[in-house]
Amino acid sequence: NKPIVLNYDGHDSHETVGMQRVAFDMGVILFAFPSKTTHKTQPLDVCVFSSVQDAWSLHCDRRVAEGITMDRYNVIHEYLRVRHGMTPELVRTAFRKTGIYPLNP
């Protein structure tokens, strides 16, 4: 019963009539961030992905040191071990850091 909001980079190649039509038909609200501003305005880039990337890098280094080869057969299984770092609180922190919510112009 809650709307689905898709946040995405507002680059011209992403804003197509086809994408808008599918989103409308599926009841998805599109929210485009201004192009070339992701380093400041995209909350997942600002906080969440960097945190998960750091955890993933440490995990991979640890597994390789243990003699485990990281390959296409185990990458998803291994990644699932670090994704828990993507928490609702981290997402809220990202929106605060960017000033999107609560609004901080």
N, C-alpha and C. Protein backbone atom coordinates (compact mmCIF):
# COMPACT_ATOMS: atom_id res chain seq x y z
N ASN A 1 0.80 -1.20 0.00
CA ASN A 1 0.00 0.00 0.00
C ASN A 1 0.85 1.27 0.00
N LYS A 2 2.16 1.11 0.13
CA LYS A 2 3.04 2.28 0.13
C LYS A 2 3.60 2.47 -1.28
N PRO A 3 3.81 3.72 -1.66
CA PRO A 3 4.36 3.96 -3.00
C PRO A 3 5.82 3.52 -3.08
N ILE A 4 6.23 3.17 -4.28
CA ILE A 4 7.63 2.84 -4.54
C ILE A 4 8.25 4.07 -5.20
N VAL A 5 9.35 4.55 -4.64
CA VAL A 5 10.05 5.70 -5.18
C VAL A 5 11.40 5.22 -5.69
N LEU A 6 11.68 5.49 -6.95
CA LEU A 6 12.97 5.13 -7.54
C LEU A 6 13.80 6.39 -7.69
N ASN A 7 14.88 6.47 -6.92
CA ASN A 7 15.83 7.57 -7.03
C ASN A 7 16.88 7.19 -8.06
N TYR A 8 17.17 8.09 -8.97
CA TYR A 8 18.17 7.77 -9.99
C TYR A 8 18.85 9.03 -10.49
N ASP A 9 19.99 8.82 -11.14
CA ASP A 9 20.76 9.91 -11.73
C ASP A 9 19.96 10.47 -12.90
N GLY A 10 19.77 11.78 -12.91
CA GLY A 10 18.95 12.40 -13.94
C GLY A 10 19.66 12.63 -15.25
N HIS A 11 20.65 11.82 -15.58
CA HIS A 11 21.34 11.95 -16.86
C HIS A 11 20.35 11.72 -18.00
N ASP A 12 20.55 12.44 -19.10
CA ASP A 12 19.62 12.35 -20.24
C ASP A 12 19.37 10.91 -20.69
N SER A 13 20.40 10.08 -20.64
CA SER A 13 20.24 8.71 -21.12
C SER A 13 19.32 7.89 -20.21
N HIS A 14 19.10 8.35 -19.01
CA HIS A 14 18.23 7.62 -18.08
C HIS A 14 16.79 8.11 -18.12
N GLU A 15 16.58 9.28 -18.66
CA GLU A 15 15.23 9.86 -18.69
C GLU A 15 14.61 9.65 -20.06
N THR A 16 14.02 8.50 -20.24
CA THR A 16 13.39 8.19 -21.52
C THR A 16 11.88 8.10 -21.34
N VAL A 17 11.17 8.31 -22.42
CA VAL A 17 9.72 8.19 -22.40
C VAL A 17 9.33 6.76 -22.02
N GLY A 18 10.07 5.79 -22.53
CA GLY A 18 9.78 4.39 -22.22
C GLY A 18 9.89 4.11 -20.73
N MET A 19 10.95 4.63 -20.11
CA MET A 19 11.12 4.43 -18.67
C MET A 19 10.00 5.11 -17.90
N GLN A 20 9.64 6.31 -18.30
CA GLN A 20 8.56 7.03 -17.62
C GLN A 20 7.23 6.29 -17.76
N ARG A 21 6.98 5.74 -18.93
CA ARG A 21 5.73 5.02 -19.17
C ARG A 21 5.65 3.76 -18.31
N VAL A 22 6.73 3.01 -18.26
CA VAL A 22 6.74 1.78 -17.46
C VAL A 22 6.56 2.12 -15.98
N ALA A 23 7.26 3.14 -15.52
CA ALA A 23 7.13 3.53 -14.12
C ALA A 23 5.70 3.94 -13.80
N PHE A 24 5.11 4.73 -14.66
CA PHE A 24 3.73 5.17 -14.45
C PHE A 24 2.79 3.97 -14.40
N ASP A 25 2.94 3.06 -15.37
CA ASP A 25 2.08 1.88 -15.43
C ASP A 25 2.23 0.99 -14.19
N MET A 26 3.42 0.97 -13.61
CA MET A 26 3.70 0.12 -12.45
C MET A 26 3.47 0.86 -11.13
N GLY A 27 3.10 2.14 -11.20
CA GLY A 27 2.87 2.90 -9.98
C GLY A 27 4.13 3.32 -9.26
N VAL A 28 5.24 3.41 -10.00
CA VAL A 28 6.53 3.80 -9.41
C VAL A 28 6.71 5.30 -9.60
N ILE A 29 7.10 5.98 -8.52
CA ILE A 29 7.38 7.41 -8.58
C ILE A 29 8.86 7.59 -8.91
N LEU A 30 9.16 8.27 -10.00
CA LEU A 30 10.54 8.51 -10.39
C LEU A 30 11.04 9.81 -9.77
N PHE A 31 12.21 9.77 -9.17
CA PHE A 31 12.82 10.96 -8.58
C PHE A 31 14.23 11.05 -9.13
N ALA A 32 14.44 11.99 -10.04
CA ALA A 32 15.74 12.13 -10.69
C ALA A 32 16.59 13.18 -9.98
N PHE A 33 17.79 12.78 -9.57
CA PHE A 33 18.74 13.74 -9.04
C PHE A 33 19.35 14.49 -10.21
N PRO A 34 19.71 15.75 -10.02
CA PRO A 34 20.32 16.51 -11.12
C PRO A 34 21.60 15.82 -11.62
N SER A 35 21.78 15.80 -12.91
CA SER A 35 22.96 15.18 -13.52
C SER A 35 24.23 15.87 -13.03
N LYS A 36 25.28 15.09 -12.90
CA LYS A 36 26.61 15.58 -12.50
C LYS A 36 26.67 16.10 -11.06
N THR A 37 25.73 15.68 -10.23
CA THR A 37 25.74 16.13 -8.84
C THR A 37 25.73 14.96 -7.86
N THR A 38 26.00 13.76 -8.34
CA THR A 38 25.86 12.57 -7.50
C THR A 38 26.78 12.61 -6.28
N HIS A 39 27.93 13.23 -6.41
CA HIS A 39 28.86 13.25 -5.28
C HIS A 39 28.31 14.07 -4.11
N LYS A 40 27.31 14.90 -4.38
CA LYS A 40 26.72 15.73 -3.33
C LYS A 40 25.28 15.35 -2.99
N THR A 41 24.55 14.86 -3.96
CA THR A 41 23.11 14.72 -3.75
C THR A 41 22.58 13.29 -3.69
N GLN A 42 23.35 12.32 -4.12
CA GLN A 42 22.82 10.96 -4.07
C GLN A 42 23.21 10.31 -2.75
N PRO A 43 22.25 10.15 -1.87
CA PRO A 43 22.57 9.67 -0.53
C PRO A 43 23.25 8.31 -0.49
N LEU A 44 22.89 7.41 -1.39
CA LEU A 44 23.53 6.09 -1.34
C LEU A 44 24.99 6.18 -1.75
N ASP A 45 25.32 7.05 -2.70
CA ASP A 45 26.72 7.25 -3.08
C ASP A 45 27.50 7.91 -1.96
N VAL A 46 26.88 8.85 -1.27
CA VAL A 46 27.57 9.64 -0.25
C VAL A 46 27.97 8.79 0.95
N CYS A 47 27.14 7.89 1.35
CA CYS A 47 27.37 7.20 2.62
C CYS A 47 27.29 5.68 2.53
N VAL A 48 26.26 5.16 1.93
CA VAL A 48 25.98 3.73 2.00
C VAL A 48 26.95 2.90 1.18
N PHE A 49 27.10 3.21 -0.10
CA PHE A 49 27.94 2.38 -0.96
C PHE A 49 29.39 2.39 -0.52
N SER A 50 29.90 3.53 -0.06
CA SER A 50 31.29 3.57 0.37
C SER A 50 31.50 2.69 1.60
N SER A 51 30.55 2.68 2.50
CA SER A 51 30.64 1.84 3.69
C SER A 51 30.63 0.35 3.33
N VAL A 52 29.71 -0.02 2.45
CA VAL A 52 29.62 -1.41 2.02
C VAL A 52 30.86 -1.80 1.21
N GLN A 53 31.34 -0.88 0.36
CA GLN A 53 32.54 -1.16 -0.43
C GLN A 53 33.75 -1.40 0.47
N ASP A 54 33.90 -0.61 1.53
CA ASP A 54 35.00 -0.81 2.47
C ASP A 54 34.90 -2.18 3.13
N ALA A 55 33.70 -2.55 3.56
CA ALA A 55 33.50 -3.86 4.19
C ALA A 55 33.78 -4.98 3.20
N TRP A 56 33.35 -4.81 1.94
CA TRP A 56 33.57 -5.82 0.91
C TRP A 56 35.06 -5.99 0.63
N SER A 57 35.79 -4.88 0.53
CA SER A 57 37.23 -4.95 0.27
C SER A 57 37.96 -5.68 1.39
N LEU A 58 37.63 -5.35 2.64
CA LEU A 58 38.25 -6.03 3.78
C LEU A 58 37.91 -7.52 3.78
N HIS A 59 36.66 -7.83 3.48
CA HIS A 59 36.23 -9.23 3.44
C HIS A 59 37.00 -10.01 2.36
N CYS A 60 37.10 -9.42 1.18
CA CYS A 60 37.82 -10.09 0.08
C CYS A 60 39.28 -10.31 0.45
N ASP A 61 39.91 -9.30 1.01
CA ASP A 61 41.32 -9.44 1.42
C ASP A 61 41.48 -10.57 2.44
N ARG A 62 40.55 -10.63 3.39
CA ARG A 62 40.60 -11.66 4.41
C ARG A 62 40.41 -13.05 3.80
N ARG A 63 39.44 -13.19 2.90
CA ARG A 63 39.17 -14.50 2.29
C ARG A 63 40.33 -14.95 1.41
N VAL A 64 40.93 -14.03 0.66
CA VAL A 64 42.08 -14.39 -0.18
C VAL A 64 43.25 -14.82 0.70
N ALA A 65 43.47 -14.13 1.83
CA ALA A 65 44.53 -14.51 2.76
C ALA A 65 44.28 -15.90 3.35
N GLU A 66 43.00 -16.30 3.43
CA GLU A 66 42.64 -17.63 3.91
C GLU A 66 42.74 -18.69 2.82
N GLY A 67 43.12 -18.27 1.61
CA GLY A 67 43.27 -19.21 0.50
C GLY A 67 42.00 -19.43 -0.30
N ILE A 68 40.99 -18.61 -0.10
CA ILE A 68 39.73 -18.73 -0.83
C ILE A 68 39.82 -17.87 -2.09
N THR A 69 39.55 -18.46 -3.24
CA THR A 69 39.52 -17.72 -4.49
C THR A 69 38.17 -17.06 -4.64
N MET A 70 38.19 -15.78 -4.92
CA MET A 70 36.94 -15.06 -5.15
C MET A 70 36.65 -15.16 -6.65
N ASP A 71 35.56 -15.84 -6.98
CA ASP A 71 35.23 -16.01 -8.39
C ASP A 71 33.72 -15.95 -8.59
N ARG A 72 33.30 -16.19 -9.81
CA ARG A 72 31.87 -16.07 -10.13
C ARG A 72 31.02 -17.11 -9.42
N TYR A 73 31.64 -18.15 -8.90
CA TYR A 73 30.88 -19.20 -8.24
C TYR A 73 30.55 -18.88 -6.78
N ASN A 74 31.36 -18.04 -6.16
CA ASN A 74 31.11 -17.76 -4.74
C ASN A 74 30.93 -16.28 -4.43
N VAL A 75 31.00 -15.42 -5.42
CA VAL A 75 30.96 -13.98 -5.15
C VAL A 75 29.65 -13.55 -4.49
N ILE A 76 28.53 -14.09 -4.92
CA ILE A 76 27.26 -13.70 -4.31
C ILE A 76 27.18 -14.21 -2.87
N HIS A 77 27.55 -15.46 -2.68
CA HIS A 77 27.54 -16.03 -1.33
C HIS A 77 28.44 -15.20 -0.40
N GLU A 78 29.61 -14.83 -0.87
CA GLU A 78 30.53 -14.04 -0.06
C GLU A 78 29.99 -12.63 0.17
N TYR A 79 29.42 -12.04 -0.85
CA TYR A 79 28.88 -10.67 -0.71
C TYR A 79 27.76 -10.63 0.32
N LEU A 80 26.96 -11.66 0.37
CA LEU A 80 25.86 -11.70 1.34
C LEU A 80 26.36 -11.65 2.78
N ARG A 81 27.63 -11.96 2.98
CA ARG A 81 28.21 -11.90 4.32
C ARG A 81 28.49 -10.47 4.77
N VAL A 82 28.59 -9.53 3.83
CA VAL A 82 28.92 -8.15 4.21
C VAL A 82 27.76 -7.17 4.00
N ARG A 83 26.76 -7.56 3.30
CA ARG A 83 25.67 -6.62 2.98
C ARG A 83 24.89 -6.18 4.21
N HIS A 84 25.02 -6.89 5.32
CA HIS A 84 24.31 -6.50 6.55
C HIS A 84 24.73 -5.10 7.02
N GLY A 85 25.84 -4.60 6.51
CA GLY A 85 26.28 -3.25 6.85
C GLY A 85 25.37 -2.18 6.27
N MET A 86 24.52 -2.55 5.35
CA MET A 86 23.57 -1.61 4.74
C MET A 86 22.31 -1.60 5.60
N THR A 87 22.30 -0.74 6.59
CA THR A 87 21.21 -0.71 7.57
C THR A 87 20.29 0.49 7.34
N PRO A 88 19.08 0.42 7.86
CA PRO A 88 18.19 1.58 7.76
C PRO A 88 18.81 2.84 8.39
N GLU A 89 19.53 2.68 9.48
CA GLU A 89 20.17 3.84 10.12
C GLU A 89 21.23 4.45 9.21
N LEU A 90 21.98 3.61 8.51
CA LEU A 90 22.99 4.12 7.57
C LEU A 90 22.32 4.89 6.43
N VAL A 91 21.19 4.41 5.94
CA VAL A 91 20.45 5.11 4.89
C VAL A 91 19.94 6.45 5.41
N ARG A 92 19.40 6.45 6.64
CA ARG A 92 18.94 7.72 7.23
C ARG A 92 20.10 8.70 7.39
N THR A 93 21.25 8.21 7.80
CA THR A 93 22.44 9.05 7.94
C THR A 93 22.82 9.65 6.60
N ALA A 94 22.72 8.85 5.55
CA ALA A 94 23.07 9.34 4.21
C ALA A 94 22.15 10.48 3.78
N PHE A 95 20.85 10.35 4.04
CA PHE A 95 19.92 11.42 3.67
C PHE A 95 20.18 12.68 4.51
N ARG A 96 20.57 12.49 5.78
CA ARG A 96 20.91 13.66 6.61
C ARG A 96 22.18 14.33 6.11
N LYS A 97 23.19 13.52 5.78
CA LYS A 97 24.48 14.07 5.31
C LYS A 97 24.34 14.89 4.04
N THR A 98 23.47 14.47 3.15
CA THR A 98 23.27 15.21 1.91
C THR A 98 22.36 16.42 2.09
N GLY A 99 21.68 16.48 3.23
CA GLY A 99 20.77 17.59 3.47
C GLY A 99 19.42 17.41 2.82
N ILE A 100 19.15 16.23 2.28
CA ILE A 100 17.88 15.98 1.61
C ILE A 100 16.74 15.86 2.62
N TYR A 101 16.99 15.10 3.71
CA TYR A 101 15.96 14.96 4.74
C TYR A 101 16.64 14.74 6.09
N PRO A 102 16.37 15.56 7.07
CA PRO A 102 15.54 16.76 6.93
C PRO A 102 16.24 17.78 6.04
N LEU A 103 15.44 18.56 5.33
CA LEU A 103 15.97 19.51 4.36
C LEU A 103 16.94 20.48 5.02
N ASN A 104 18.13 20.58 4.42
CA ASN A 104 19.14 21.52 4.89
C ASN A 104 19.72 22.22 3.67
N PRO A 105 19.05 23.30 3.24
CA PRO A 105 19.51 23.98 2.01
C PRO A 105 20.89 24.58 2.17
